[in-house]
N, C-alpha and C. Protein backbone atom coordinates (compact mmCIF):
# COMPACT_ATOMS: atom_id res chain seq x y z
N TYR A 1 111.61 91.15 89.05
CA TYR A 1 112.29 92.03 89.91
C TYR A 1 111.35 92.18 91.07
N PHE A 2 111.83 92.04 92.28
CA PHE A 2 111.05 92.25 93.63
C PHE A 2 111.29 93.40 94.25
N ILE A 3 110.27 94.14 94.69
CA ILE A 3 110.37 95.41 95.42
C ILE A 3 109.46 95.14 96.69
N GLY A 4 110.10 95.41 97.91
CA GLY A 4 109.39 95.41 99.33
C GLY A 4 110.27 95.26 100.29
N ASN A 5 109.92 94.41 101.34
CA ASN A 5 110.71 94.44 102.68
C ASN A 5 110.91 93.07 102.96
N SER A 6 111.05 92.67 104.17
CA SER A 6 111.08 91.37 104.61
C SER A 6 110.19 90.40 104.38
N VAL A 7 108.92 90.91 104.32
CA VAL A 7 107.70 89.84 103.67
C VAL A 7 108.10 89.57 102.25
N THR A 8 108.63 90.38 101.46
CA THR A 8 109.14 90.00 100.19
C THR A 8 110.27 88.97 100.36
N ASP A 9 111.24 89.21 101.05
CA ASP A 9 112.27 88.22 101.39
C ASP A 9 111.87 86.87 101.69
N THR A 10 110.66 86.96 102.32
CA THR A 10 110.01 85.58 102.60
C THR A 10 109.91 84.50 101.42
N ILE A 11 109.95 85.03 100.22
CA ILE A 11 109.85 84.27 99.09
C ILE A 11 110.86 83.26 99.05
N ASN A 12 112.05 83.62 99.60
CA ASN A 12 113.21 82.82 99.40
C ASN A 12 113.54 82.45 98.09
N TYR A 13 114.44 83.61 97.64
CA TYR A 13 114.51 83.89 96.05
C TYR A 13 115.15 82.60 95.32
N SER A 14 116.34 82.15 96.10
CA SER A 14 117.04 80.90 95.66
C SER A 14 116.33 79.76 95.48
N GLY A 15 115.27 79.62 96.45
CA GLY A 15 114.55 78.45 96.61
C GLY A 15 113.53 78.34 95.44
N LEU A 16 112.88 79.75 95.20
CA LEU A 16 112.03 79.82 94.10
C LEU A 16 112.75 79.51 92.72
N GLN A 17 113.93 80.13 92.55
CA GLN A 17 114.69 79.74 91.51
C GLN A 17 114.87 78.31 91.11
N SER A 18 115.23 77.60 92.33
CA SER A 18 115.48 76.09 92.23
C SER A 18 114.05 75.44 91.78
N LEU A 19 112.92 76.03 92.35
CA LEU A 19 111.72 75.23 91.81
C LEU A 19 111.31 75.54 90.28
N ALA A 20 111.80 76.73 89.99
CA ALA A 20 111.60 77.05 88.44
C ALA A 20 112.63 76.15 87.60
N LYS A 21 113.78 76.17 88.27
CA LYS A 21 114.84 75.32 87.42
C LYS A 21 114.44 73.95 87.22
N SER A 22 113.62 73.31 88.24
CA SER A 22 113.26 71.93 88.40
C SER A 22 112.35 71.59 87.24
N ARG A 23 111.71 72.76 86.78
CA ARG A 23 110.63 72.63 85.59
C ARG A 23 111.38 73.21 84.29
N ASP A 24 112.73 73.36 84.33
CA ASP A 24 113.37 73.70 83.08
C ASP A 24 113.09 75.21 82.69
N HIS A 25 112.63 76.02 83.83
CA HIS A 25 112.42 77.37 83.37
C HIS A 25 113.74 78.30 83.74
N ARG A 26 114.07 79.14 82.93
CA ARG A 26 115.23 80.19 83.08
C ARG A 26 114.88 81.44 84.06
N HIS A 27 115.20 81.28 85.15
CA HIS A 27 114.74 82.28 86.33
C HIS A 27 115.71 82.96 86.76
N LEU A 28 115.75 84.36 86.24
CA LEU A 28 116.73 85.47 86.69
C LEU A 28 115.94 86.37 87.34
N TRP A 29 116.61 86.72 88.58
CA TRP A 29 115.85 87.69 89.31
C TRP A 29 116.67 88.66 90.00
N GLY A 30 115.96 89.92 90.48
CA GLY A 30 116.67 91.00 91.18
C GLY A 30 115.87 91.47 92.29
N ARG A 31 116.36 92.26 93.29
CA ARG A 31 115.43 92.71 94.34
C ARG A 31 115.79 94.05 94.55
N HIS A 32 114.96 94.90 95.41
CA HIS A 32 115.21 95.95 96.12
C HIS A 32 114.47 95.97 97.37
N THR A 33 114.96 95.47 98.48
CA THR A 33 114.15 95.48 99.72
C THR A 33 114.87 96.20 100.86
N ILE A 34 113.94 96.89 101.76
CA ILE A 34 114.43 97.60 102.93
C ILE A 34 113.59 97.05 103.90
N PRO A 35 114.17 96.50 104.88
CA PRO A 35 113.30 95.85 106.11
C PRO A 35 112.19 96.88 106.57
N GLY A 36 110.98 96.44 106.79
CA GLY A 36 110.14 97.40 107.49
C GLY A 36 109.62 98.38 106.68
N ALA A 37 110.16 98.52 105.38
CA ALA A 37 109.77 99.74 104.57
C ALA A 37 108.33 99.57 103.70
N PRO A 38 107.60 100.52 103.74
CA PRO A 38 106.56 100.62 102.68
C PRO A 38 107.06 101.00 101.26
N LEU A 39 106.23 101.09 100.30
CA LEU A 39 106.73 101.32 98.95
C LEU A 39 107.14 102.86 98.90
N GLN A 40 106.57 103.62 99.64
CA GLN A 40 106.73 105.13 99.63
C GLN A 40 108.20 105.17 100.17
N TRP A 41 108.70 104.53 101.37
CA TRP A 41 110.02 104.73 101.79
C TRP A 41 111.11 104.32 100.66
N ILE A 42 110.69 103.12 100.10
CA ILE A 42 111.63 102.72 99.06
C ILE A 42 111.80 103.56 97.96
N TRP A 43 110.62 104.10 97.53
CA TRP A 43 110.70 105.09 96.44
C TRP A 43 111.57 106.17 96.67
N GLU A 44 111.48 106.66 97.97
CA GLU A 44 112.15 107.92 98.51
C GLU A 44 113.63 107.56 98.83
N HIS A 45 114.05 106.37 99.04
CA HIS A 45 115.39 106.13 99.50
C HIS A 45 115.93 105.22 98.52
N ALA A 46 116.15 105.67 97.11
CA ALA A 46 116.55 104.79 96.18
C ALA A 46 117.91 104.16 96.17
N ASP A 47 118.75 104.62 97.03
CA ASP A 47 120.03 104.02 97.14
C ASP A 47 120.21 103.19 98.37
N GLU A 48 119.28 102.95 99.21
CA GLU A 48 119.20 102.35 100.43
C GLU A 48 118.78 100.78 100.11
N GLY A 49 119.11 99.90 101.24
CA GLY A 49 118.44 98.73 101.25
C GLY A 49 119.42 97.63 100.63
N PHE A 50 118.80 96.47 100.25
CA PHE A 50 119.39 95.33 99.86
C PHE A 50 119.03 95.13 98.32
N GLN A 51 120.04 94.79 97.56
CA GLN A 51 119.99 94.55 96.22
C GLN A 51 120.67 93.39 95.81
N LYS A 52 120.48 93.09 94.53
CA LYS A 52 121.14 91.74 93.98
C LYS A 52 121.90 92.16 92.70
N PRO A 53 123.39 92.11 92.82
CA PRO A 53 124.20 92.43 91.40
C PRO A 53 123.89 91.50 90.45
N PRO A 54 123.87 91.74 89.13
CA PRO A 54 124.37 93.04 88.70
C PRO A 54 123.29 94.10 88.56
N PHE A 55 122.03 93.70 89.12
CA PHE A 55 120.88 94.62 88.59
C PHE A 55 120.84 95.75 89.69
N GLY A 56 121.03 95.69 90.88
CA GLY A 56 121.07 96.75 91.66
C GLY A 56 119.99 97.33 92.20
N HIS A 57 120.00 98.63 92.76
CA HIS A 57 118.67 98.94 93.38
C HIS A 57 117.78 99.46 92.29
N TYR A 58 116.40 99.67 92.58
CA TYR A 58 115.46 99.93 91.49
C TYR A 58 115.47 100.98 90.35
N PRO A 59 116.24 101.98 90.71
CA PRO A 59 116.43 103.11 89.72
C PRO A 59 117.27 102.41 88.53
N TYR A 60 118.46 101.85 88.69
CA TYR A 60 119.33 101.08 87.97
C TYR A 60 118.67 100.21 87.30
N ALA A 61 118.03 99.27 88.09
CA ALA A 61 117.56 97.97 87.69
C ALA A 61 116.40 98.11 86.61
N LEU A 62 115.37 99.15 86.84
CA LEU A 62 114.47 99.23 85.99
C LEU A 62 114.77 100.21 84.85
N LYS A 63 115.59 100.96 84.95
CA LYS A 63 116.09 101.74 83.72
C LYS A 63 117.03 101.12 82.68
N ARG A 64 117.89 100.05 83.32
CA ARG A 64 118.93 99.72 82.60
C ARG A 64 118.66 98.23 81.97
N PHE A 65 117.63 97.54 82.62
CA PHE A 65 117.35 96.13 82.33
C PHE A 65 115.97 95.86 81.76
N THR A 66 115.75 95.04 80.99
CA THR A 66 114.33 94.74 80.52
C THR A 66 113.81 93.44 81.48
N TRP A 67 112.56 93.56 81.99
CA TRP A 67 112.19 92.69 82.89
C TRP A 67 110.95 92.12 82.34
N ASP A 68 110.68 90.80 82.48
CA ASP A 68 109.44 90.08 82.08
C ASP A 68 108.24 90.62 83.23
N ALA A 69 108.77 90.59 84.44
CA ALA A 69 107.91 90.77 85.57
C ALA A 69 108.41 91.61 86.46
N ILE A 70 107.52 92.57 87.36
CA ILE A 70 108.00 93.18 88.57
C ILE A 70 107.08 92.79 89.61
N CYS A 71 107.40 92.74 90.84
CA CYS A 71 106.34 92.54 91.89
C CYS A 71 106.54 93.52 92.91
N LEU A 72 105.41 94.16 93.25
CA LEU A 72 105.29 95.23 94.36
C LEU A 72 104.67 94.72 95.59
N GLN A 73 105.25 94.96 96.59
CA GLN A 73 104.59 94.57 97.97
C GLN A 73 104.31 95.72 98.80
N PRO A 74 102.67 95.97 98.76
CA PRO A 74 102.23 96.99 99.65
C PRO A 74 102.51 96.72 101.14
N PHE A 75 102.53 97.88 102.08
CA PHE A 75 102.83 97.70 103.21
C PHE A 75 102.55 99.00 104.15
N ASP A 76 101.72 98.91 104.97
CA ASP A 76 101.57 99.90 106.02
C ASP A 76 101.07 101.30 105.49
N ARG A 77 100.34 101.28 104.40
CA ARG A 77 99.93 102.51 103.70
C ARG A 77 98.44 102.36 103.31
N ARG A 78 97.82 103.41 103.12
CA ARG A 78 96.48 103.49 102.68
C ARG A 78 96.47 103.24 101.18
N LEU A 79 95.31 103.10 100.64
CA LEU A 79 95.24 103.17 99.05
C LEU A 79 95.58 104.29 98.64
N GLU A 80 94.75 105.27 98.98
CA GLU A 80 94.55 106.71 98.30
C GLU A 80 95.87 107.64 99.04
N GLY A 81 95.68 108.82 98.46
CA GLY A 81 96.61 109.82 98.88
C GLY A 81 98.15 109.85 98.23
N ASP A 82 98.64 110.90 98.42
CA ASP A 82 99.97 111.21 97.62
C ASP A 82 101.15 109.92 98.19
N ASN A 83 101.10 109.60 99.34
CA ASN A 83 102.04 108.48 99.76
C ASN A 83 101.36 107.22 99.93
N GLY A 84 100.01 106.90 99.18
CA GLY A 84 99.35 105.72 99.38
C GLY A 84 99.86 104.65 98.34
N ASP A 85 99.43 103.44 98.36
CA ASP A 85 100.01 102.49 97.58
C ASP A 85 99.75 102.67 96.16
N ILE A 86 98.46 103.08 95.92
CA ILE A 86 98.12 103.30 94.34
C ILE A 86 99.15 104.27 93.71
N ALA A 87 99.38 105.31 94.33
CA ALA A 87 100.50 106.19 93.73
C ALA A 87 101.84 105.87 93.73
N MET A 88 102.10 105.21 94.81
CA MET A 88 103.44 104.60 94.88
C MET A 88 103.77 103.53 93.72
N ALA A 89 102.81 102.63 93.71
CA ALA A 89 102.94 101.52 92.70
C ALA A 89 103.04 102.11 91.40
N LYS A 90 102.11 103.15 91.00
CA LYS A 90 102.37 103.67 89.68
C LYS A 90 103.55 104.36 89.58
N ASN A 91 104.27 104.94 90.49
CA ASN A 91 105.56 105.53 90.30
C ASN A 91 106.56 104.34 89.73
N PHE A 92 106.63 103.22 90.30
CA PHE A 92 107.38 102.19 89.99
C PHE A 92 106.89 101.65 88.59
N ILE A 93 105.60 101.72 88.61
CA ILE A 93 105.29 101.07 86.79
C ILE A 93 105.67 102.19 85.93
N HIS A 94 105.43 103.21 86.18
CA HIS A 94 105.85 104.37 85.09
C HIS A 94 107.33 104.16 84.76
N LEU A 95 108.23 104.13 85.94
CA LEU A 95 109.46 103.89 85.64
C LEU A 95 110.00 102.65 84.76
N ALA A 96 109.22 101.59 85.17
CA ALA A 96 109.68 100.30 84.60
C ALA A 96 109.16 100.12 83.03
N VAL A 97 108.03 100.81 82.70
CA VAL A 97 107.55 100.59 81.27
C VAL A 97 108.59 101.24 80.30
N GLY A 98 109.24 102.24 80.68
CA GLY A 98 110.27 102.74 79.64
C GLY A 98 111.30 101.86 79.15
N LYS A 99 111.85 100.99 79.92
CA LYS A 99 112.68 99.89 79.45
C LYS A 99 111.88 98.60 79.12
N SER A 100 110.89 98.49 79.74
CA SER A 100 110.13 97.19 79.76
C SER A 100 108.65 97.27 79.32
N PRO A 101 108.40 97.66 77.98
CA PRO A 101 106.96 97.94 77.76
C PRO A 101 105.99 96.86 77.85
N ASN A 102 106.52 95.72 77.69
CA ASN A 102 105.67 94.46 77.93
C ASN A 102 105.61 93.78 79.37
N VAL A 103 106.07 94.53 80.21
CA VAL A 103 106.27 93.98 81.65
C VAL A 103 104.82 93.60 82.32
N GLN A 104 105.06 92.45 83.02
CA GLN A 104 103.85 91.97 83.72
C GLN A 104 104.05 92.40 85.31
N VAL A 105 103.13 93.32 85.69
CA VAL A 105 103.29 93.62 87.08
C VAL A 105 102.42 92.87 87.89
N TYR A 106 102.87 92.64 89.13
CA TYR A 106 102.22 91.66 90.12
C TYR A 106 102.19 92.52 91.38
N VAL A 107 101.11 92.29 92.07
CA VAL A 107 100.77 92.81 93.44
C VAL A 107 100.91 91.76 94.36
N TYR A 108 101.75 91.92 95.21
CA TYR A 108 102.12 90.78 96.31
C TYR A 108 100.94 90.83 97.44
N GLY A 109 99.88 90.05 97.21
CA GLY A 109 98.75 89.86 98.16
C GLY A 109 99.16 89.24 99.26
N ARG A 110 99.58 89.71 100.29
CA ARG A 110 100.42 89.06 101.43
C ARG A 110 99.27 88.72 102.60
N TRP A 111 99.53 88.59 103.82
CA TRP A 111 98.66 87.96 104.71
C TRP A 111 98.65 88.91 106.02
N PRO A 112 97.57 88.79 106.71
CA PRO A 112 97.38 89.70 107.80
C PRO A 112 98.34 89.33 108.90
N ARG A 113 98.81 90.35 109.80
CA ARG A 113 99.62 89.88 110.86
C ARG A 113 98.81 89.47 112.13
N LYS A 114 99.48 88.81 112.85
CA LYS A 114 98.68 88.28 114.26
C LYS A 114 98.44 89.58 115.06
N ASP A 115 97.53 89.46 116.10
CA ASP A 115 97.13 90.38 116.95
C ASP A 115 98.37 90.51 117.94
N LYS A 116 98.49 91.75 118.70
CA LYS A 116 99.54 91.69 119.59
C LYS A 116 99.76 90.76 120.67
N ASP A 117 98.74 90.14 121.06
CA ASP A 117 98.83 89.20 121.92
C ASP A 117 99.09 87.66 121.48
N GLY A 118 99.32 87.64 120.19
CA GLY A 118 99.90 86.53 119.39
C GLY A 118 98.71 85.72 118.99
N THR A 119 97.35 85.95 119.13
CA THR A 119 96.35 85.35 118.53
C THR A 119 96.08 85.66 117.14
N LEU A 120 95.41 84.87 116.30
CA LEU A 120 95.20 85.06 114.92
C LEU A 120 93.77 84.27 114.50
N ASP A 121 92.78 85.06 114.18
CA ASP A 121 91.54 84.65 113.54
C ASP A 121 91.63 85.08 111.97
N PHE A 122 92.30 84.09 111.24
CA PHE A 122 92.74 84.48 109.97
C PHE A 122 91.61 84.74 109.21
N ALA A 123 90.46 83.96 109.20
CA ALA A 123 89.51 84.26 108.49
C ALA A 123 88.59 85.74 108.58
N ARG A 124 88.69 86.01 109.99
CA ARG A 124 88.12 87.36 110.32
C ARG A 124 89.04 88.52 109.80
N ALA A 125 90.33 88.33 109.99
CA ALA A 125 91.32 89.45 109.78
C ALA A 125 91.35 89.44 108.08
N TRP A 126 91.29 88.42 107.37
CA TRP A 126 91.51 88.56 106.20
C TRP A 126 90.11 88.97 105.23
N SER A 127 88.92 88.85 105.92
CA SER A 127 87.76 89.05 105.17
C SER A 127 87.22 90.37 105.46
N ARG A 128 87.97 91.13 106.30
CA ARG A 128 87.35 92.57 106.65
C ARG A 128 87.14 93.32 105.45
N ASP A 129 86.30 94.39 105.35
CA ASP A 129 86.26 95.44 104.28
C ASP A 129 87.45 96.38 104.51
N TYR A 130 88.03 96.91 103.61
CA TYR A 130 88.94 97.84 103.50
C TYR A 130 88.31 99.35 103.97
N SER A 131 88.94 99.94 104.89
CA SER A 131 88.61 101.39 105.23
C SER A 131 89.90 102.07 105.48
N ASP A 132 90.00 103.34 105.00
CA ASP A 132 91.21 103.97 105.31
C ASP A 132 91.38 104.43 106.63
N GLN A 133 90.35 104.21 107.38
CA GLN A 133 90.35 104.66 108.83
C GLN A 133 90.32 103.57 109.79
N ALA A 134 90.46 102.27 109.17
CA ALA A 134 90.28 100.85 110.13
C ALA A 134 91.85 100.52 110.23
N HIS A 135 92.44 100.30 111.27
CA HIS A 135 93.45 99.73 111.68
C HIS A 135 93.56 98.36 111.09
N GLY A 136 94.60 97.98 110.30
CA GLY A 136 94.84 96.64 109.86
C GLY A 136 93.99 96.22 108.46
N SER A 137 93.15 97.13 108.05
CA SER A 137 92.28 96.73 107.05
C SER A 137 93.03 96.63 105.68
N ASN A 138 94.36 97.24 105.70
CA ASN A 138 95.20 97.22 104.53
C ASN A 138 96.09 96.05 104.48
N GLU A 139 95.59 94.91 105.26
CA GLU A 139 96.23 93.54 105.18
C GLU A 139 95.18 92.54 104.88
N THR A 140 94.11 93.11 104.12
CA THR A 140 92.92 92.25 103.75
C THR A 140 92.86 91.79 102.29
N ARG A 141 92.07 90.91 102.11
CA ARG A 141 91.73 90.49 100.70
C ARG A 141 91.12 91.70 100.00
N ASP A 142 90.16 92.51 100.55
CA ASP A 142 89.46 93.62 99.86
C ASP A 142 90.63 94.74 99.49
N PHE A 143 91.62 94.97 100.38
CA PHE A 143 92.67 95.94 100.11
C PHE A 143 93.50 95.64 98.73
N PHE A 144 94.05 94.39 98.69
CA PHE A 144 94.86 93.95 97.61
C PHE A 144 94.23 93.85 96.41
N GLU A 145 92.79 93.26 96.39
CA GLU A 145 92.01 93.41 95.38
C GLU A 145 91.56 94.55 94.70
N ARG A 146 91.36 95.42 95.63
CA ARG A 146 90.99 96.80 95.16
C ARG A 146 92.42 97.63 94.56
N LEU A 147 93.53 97.47 95.08
CA LEU A 147 94.71 97.81 94.68
C LEU A 147 94.97 97.19 93.21
N ALA A 148 94.93 96.12 92.92
CA ALA A 148 95.03 95.62 91.76
C ALA A 148 94.09 96.13 90.59
N VAL A 149 92.90 95.99 91.01
CA VAL A 149 91.69 96.66 90.08
C VAL A 149 92.09 98.05 89.64
N GLU A 150 92.56 98.94 90.66
CA GLU A 150 92.71 100.25 90.38
C GLU A 150 94.00 100.49 89.48
N LEU A 151 94.95 99.78 89.88
CA LEU A 151 96.16 99.73 89.03
C LEU A 151 95.83 99.45 87.47
N ARG A 152 95.00 98.45 87.23
CA ARG A 152 94.64 97.99 86.00
C ARG A 152 93.71 99.24 85.40
N ARG A 153 93.00 99.93 85.87
CA ARG A 153 92.26 101.07 85.54
C ARG A 153 93.12 102.33 85.12
N SER A 154 94.14 102.45 86.06
CA SER A 154 94.85 103.85 85.99
C SER A 154 96.12 103.74 85.42
N CYS A 155 96.42 102.50 84.82
CA CYS A 155 97.77 102.50 84.08
C CYS A 155 97.68 101.92 82.58
N PRO A 156 97.05 102.67 81.83
CA PRO A 156 96.79 102.37 80.47
C PRO A 156 97.89 102.00 79.63
N GLU A 157 99.11 102.52 80.17
CA GLU A 157 100.54 102.30 79.46
C GLU A 157 100.85 100.86 79.44
N LEU A 158 100.20 100.14 80.43
CA LEU A 158 100.67 98.54 80.44
C LEU A 158 99.87 97.77 79.45
N THR A 159 100.69 97.01 78.69
CA THR A 159 100.03 95.94 77.84
C THR A 159 99.37 94.71 78.30
N LYS A 160 99.74 94.63 79.52
CA LYS A 160 99.16 93.39 80.38
C LYS A 160 98.41 93.88 81.53
N PRO A 161 97.25 93.39 81.98
CA PRO A 161 96.60 93.82 83.34
C PRO A 161 97.47 93.39 84.51
N VAL A 162 97.51 94.27 85.58
CA VAL A 162 98.16 94.12 86.74
C VAL A 162 97.29 92.66 87.50
N LEU A 163 98.22 91.80 87.79
CA LEU A 163 97.71 90.55 88.47
C LEU A 163 98.08 90.52 89.86
N LEU A 164 97.53 89.80 90.80
CA LEU A 164 97.65 89.55 92.04
C LEU A 164 98.54 88.31 92.18
N VAL A 165 99.55 88.30 93.26
CA VAL A 165 100.05 87.02 93.69
C VAL A 165 99.40 86.75 95.08
N PRO A 166 98.43 85.57 94.92
CA PRO A 166 97.50 85.67 95.96
C PRO A 166 97.87 84.76 97.07
N VAL A 167 98.88 85.05 97.86
CA VAL A 167 99.43 84.27 98.98
C VAL A 167 98.27 84.34 100.12
N GLY A 168 97.88 85.51 100.32
CA GLY A 168 96.81 85.74 101.37
C GLY A 168 95.78 84.76 101.23
N HIS A 169 95.17 84.77 99.89
CA HIS A 169 94.15 83.94 99.47
C HIS A 169 94.33 82.44 99.73
N VAL A 170 95.67 81.90 99.42
CA VAL A 170 96.19 80.59 99.55
C VAL A 170 95.98 80.26 101.02
N MET A 171 96.59 81.17 101.94
CA MET A 171 96.61 80.87 103.24
C MET A 171 95.33 80.83 103.79
N HIS A 172 94.47 81.54 103.32
CA HIS A 172 93.04 81.69 103.78
C HIS A 172 92.33 80.21 103.55
N GLU A 173 92.50 79.76 102.51
CA GLU A 173 92.02 78.51 101.99
C GLU A 173 92.59 77.27 102.68
N LEU A 174 94.07 77.37 103.03
CA LEU A 174 94.68 76.38 103.82
C LEU A 174 94.14 76.35 105.27
N ASP A 175 94.04 77.67 105.76
CA ASP A 175 93.44 77.64 107.16
C ASP A 175 92.15 77.01 107.28
N ARG A 176 91.08 77.27 106.25
CA ARG A 176 89.87 76.69 106.19
C ARG A 176 89.99 75.15 106.29
N ARG A 177 90.83 74.59 105.32
CA ARG A 177 90.99 73.09 105.35
C ARG A 177 91.54 72.37 106.51
N LEU A 178 92.71 73.04 107.04
CA LEU A 178 93.33 72.68 108.30
C LEU A 178 92.06 72.66 109.76
N LYS A 179 91.27 73.67 109.60
CA LYS A 179 90.43 73.80 110.74
C LYS A 179 89.14 72.88 110.35
N SER A 180 88.86 72.53 109.33
CA SER A 180 87.78 71.61 108.98
C SER A 180 88.11 70.10 109.07
N GLY A 181 89.59 69.85 109.24
CA GLY A 181 90.06 68.55 109.42
C GLY A 181 90.39 67.92 107.93
N ILE A 182 90.33 68.74 106.92
CA ILE A 182 90.53 68.16 105.62
C ILE A 182 91.98 67.79 105.36
N MET A 183 92.83 68.53 106.20
CA MET A 183 94.39 68.32 105.99
C MET A 183 94.99 68.18 107.28
N PRO A 184 95.88 67.10 107.38
CA PRO A 184 96.29 66.82 108.88
C PRO A 184 97.68 67.62 108.99
N GLY A 185 98.10 67.57 110.19
CA GLY A 185 99.70 68.28 110.46
C GLY A 185 99.64 69.36 111.37
N ILE A 186 98.79 70.47 111.22
CA ILE A 186 98.80 71.59 112.02
C ILE A 186 97.24 71.95 112.26
N SER A 187 97.16 72.83 113.20
CA SER A 187 95.64 73.27 113.32
C SER A 187 95.16 74.59 112.76
N GLY A 188 96.10 75.16 112.28
CA GLY A 188 95.89 76.40 111.58
C GLY A 188 97.01 77.05 110.88
N VAL A 189 96.86 78.15 109.97
CA VAL A 189 97.95 78.75 109.42
C VAL A 189 98.85 79.66 110.42
N GLY A 190 98.16 79.91 111.68
CA GLY A 190 98.93 80.66 112.64
C GLY A 190 100.17 80.06 113.07
N GLU A 191 100.25 78.59 112.94
CA GLU A 191 101.53 77.90 113.19
C GLU A 191 102.52 78.00 112.08
N LEU A 192 102.30 78.76 111.06
CA LEU A 192 103.35 79.07 110.11
C LEU A 192 104.05 80.41 110.30
N TYR A 193 103.72 80.96 111.41
CA TYR A 193 104.23 82.35 111.66
C TYR A 193 105.42 82.05 112.69
N THR A 194 106.28 82.95 112.74
CA THR A 194 107.55 82.99 113.81
C THR A 194 107.48 84.23 114.76
N ASP A 195 106.57 85.17 114.17
CA ASP A 195 106.33 86.16 115.16
C ASP A 195 105.08 86.74 114.58
N GLN A 196 104.90 88.16 114.91
CA GLN A 196 103.52 88.78 114.56
C GLN A 196 103.34 88.74 113.16
N ILE A 197 104.34 88.62 112.27
CA ILE A 197 104.06 88.87 110.75
C ILE A 197 105.10 88.03 109.83
N HIS A 198 106.06 87.54 110.26
CA HIS A 198 107.00 86.72 109.50
C HIS A 198 106.68 85.31 109.63
N LEU A 199 107.08 84.43 108.59
CA LEU A 199 106.73 83.06 108.36
C LEU A 199 108.06 82.14 108.69
N ASN A 200 107.62 80.95 109.06
CA ASN A 200 108.79 80.06 109.25
C ASN A 200 109.09 79.40 107.81
N PRO A 201 110.08 78.33 107.84
CA PRO A 201 110.13 77.82 106.47
C PRO A 201 109.14 77.12 105.74
N ALA A 202 108.16 76.56 106.44
CA ALA A 202 107.12 75.95 105.91
C ALA A 202 106.27 76.95 105.29
N GLY A 203 106.10 78.06 105.93
CA GLY A 203 105.25 79.28 105.39
C GLY A 203 106.05 79.86 104.18
N SER A 204 107.38 79.96 104.21
CA SER A 204 108.13 80.35 103.20
C SER A 204 107.85 79.59 101.81
N TYR A 205 107.95 78.17 102.02
CA TYR A 205 107.62 77.22 100.89
C TYR A 205 106.33 77.44 100.24
N LEU A 206 105.24 77.72 101.23
CA LEU A 206 103.95 78.01 100.62
C LEU A 206 103.98 79.38 99.82
N VAL A 207 104.67 80.33 100.33
CA VAL A 207 104.87 81.63 99.56
C VAL A 207 105.56 81.26 98.24
N ALA A 208 106.56 80.55 98.26
CA ALA A 208 107.42 80.27 96.85
C ALA A 208 106.52 79.48 96.09
N CYS A 209 105.78 78.51 96.41
CA CYS A 209 104.78 77.75 95.61
C CYS A 209 103.73 78.45 95.04
N THR A 210 103.21 79.45 95.65
CA THR A 210 102.23 80.52 95.22
C THR A 210 102.80 81.41 94.06
N PHE A 211 104.02 81.78 94.34
CA PHE A 211 104.63 82.63 93.24
C PHE A 211 104.95 81.83 92.05
N PHE A 212 105.42 80.62 92.31
CA PHE A 212 105.68 79.65 91.10
C PHE A 212 104.48 79.36 90.31
N ALA A 213 103.43 79.01 90.79
CA ALA A 213 102.30 78.78 90.32
C ALA A 213 101.55 80.03 89.47
N THR A 214 101.69 81.24 90.03
CA THR A 214 101.28 82.51 89.59
C THR A 214 102.14 82.98 88.42
N LEU A 215 103.55 82.96 88.68
CA LEU A 215 104.49 83.39 87.49
C LEU A 215 104.62 82.42 86.43
N TYR A 216 104.43 81.14 86.37
CA TYR A 216 104.57 80.25 85.39
C TYR A 216 103.35 79.46 85.15
N GLY A 217 102.28 79.76 85.62
CA GLY A 217 100.88 79.17 85.37
C GLY A 217 101.05 77.63 85.40
N GLU A 218 101.77 76.97 86.41
CA GLU A 218 101.84 75.59 86.42
C GLU A 218 101.45 75.18 87.81
N ASP A 219 101.01 73.87 88.04
CA ASP A 219 100.53 73.26 88.97
C ASP A 219 101.98 72.98 90.01
N PRO A 220 101.98 73.56 91.15
CA PRO A 220 103.29 73.47 91.95
C PRO A 220 103.62 72.17 92.50
N ARG A 221 102.35 71.25 92.59
CA ARG A 221 102.58 69.83 93.10
C ARG A 221 103.64 69.06 92.49
N GLU A 222 104.43 68.27 93.13
CA GLU A 222 105.63 67.52 93.01
C GLU A 222 106.97 68.25 92.66
N LEU A 223 106.86 69.59 92.95
CA LEU A 223 108.05 70.25 92.65
C LEU A 223 109.17 69.76 93.77
């Protein structure tokens, strides 16, 4: 079950389902997404946004159905505080474990957005330290890893440790290889963007392959 906004929609749910089916996995999914929304907004607007029948929005989906996995997408909030991503993620987790005590929780480790002028130094943006006072530092490796570690520590009701879906990590490594000349085709991952934050179909495929590898523990090559 996927909870997030248009960045979560970048997964291309039916495409990921097709990748899984090609390896004989039974891949059923639901979602609750609201464009541009952080976890706080989704939590507080439980009957708004997009959903997939028969599972519906998150209150119905998490209370009525048993899930192997839920994926939470942090967005535009600090780690700490009543409205921060730690607190909001814990709200969703506490709700989910009532019906799904063995659920695997994933944090969607997404990518930093481009600068307003359209430029992108991915390595610099991604490798910054997180600070609740620094603009953009909630789109960094440090932010997503800290969130996953803190949720592991503060959610003892989970039987499995919270994991990252390391999309930003994958993009960082791809960017390094592209710029070092190891891989041909494009000059850097900035070419996978369609605007300041959204990705094109090639970027969406990268996201889906990363999710496939993480969810199923299999090499996505030759999918």
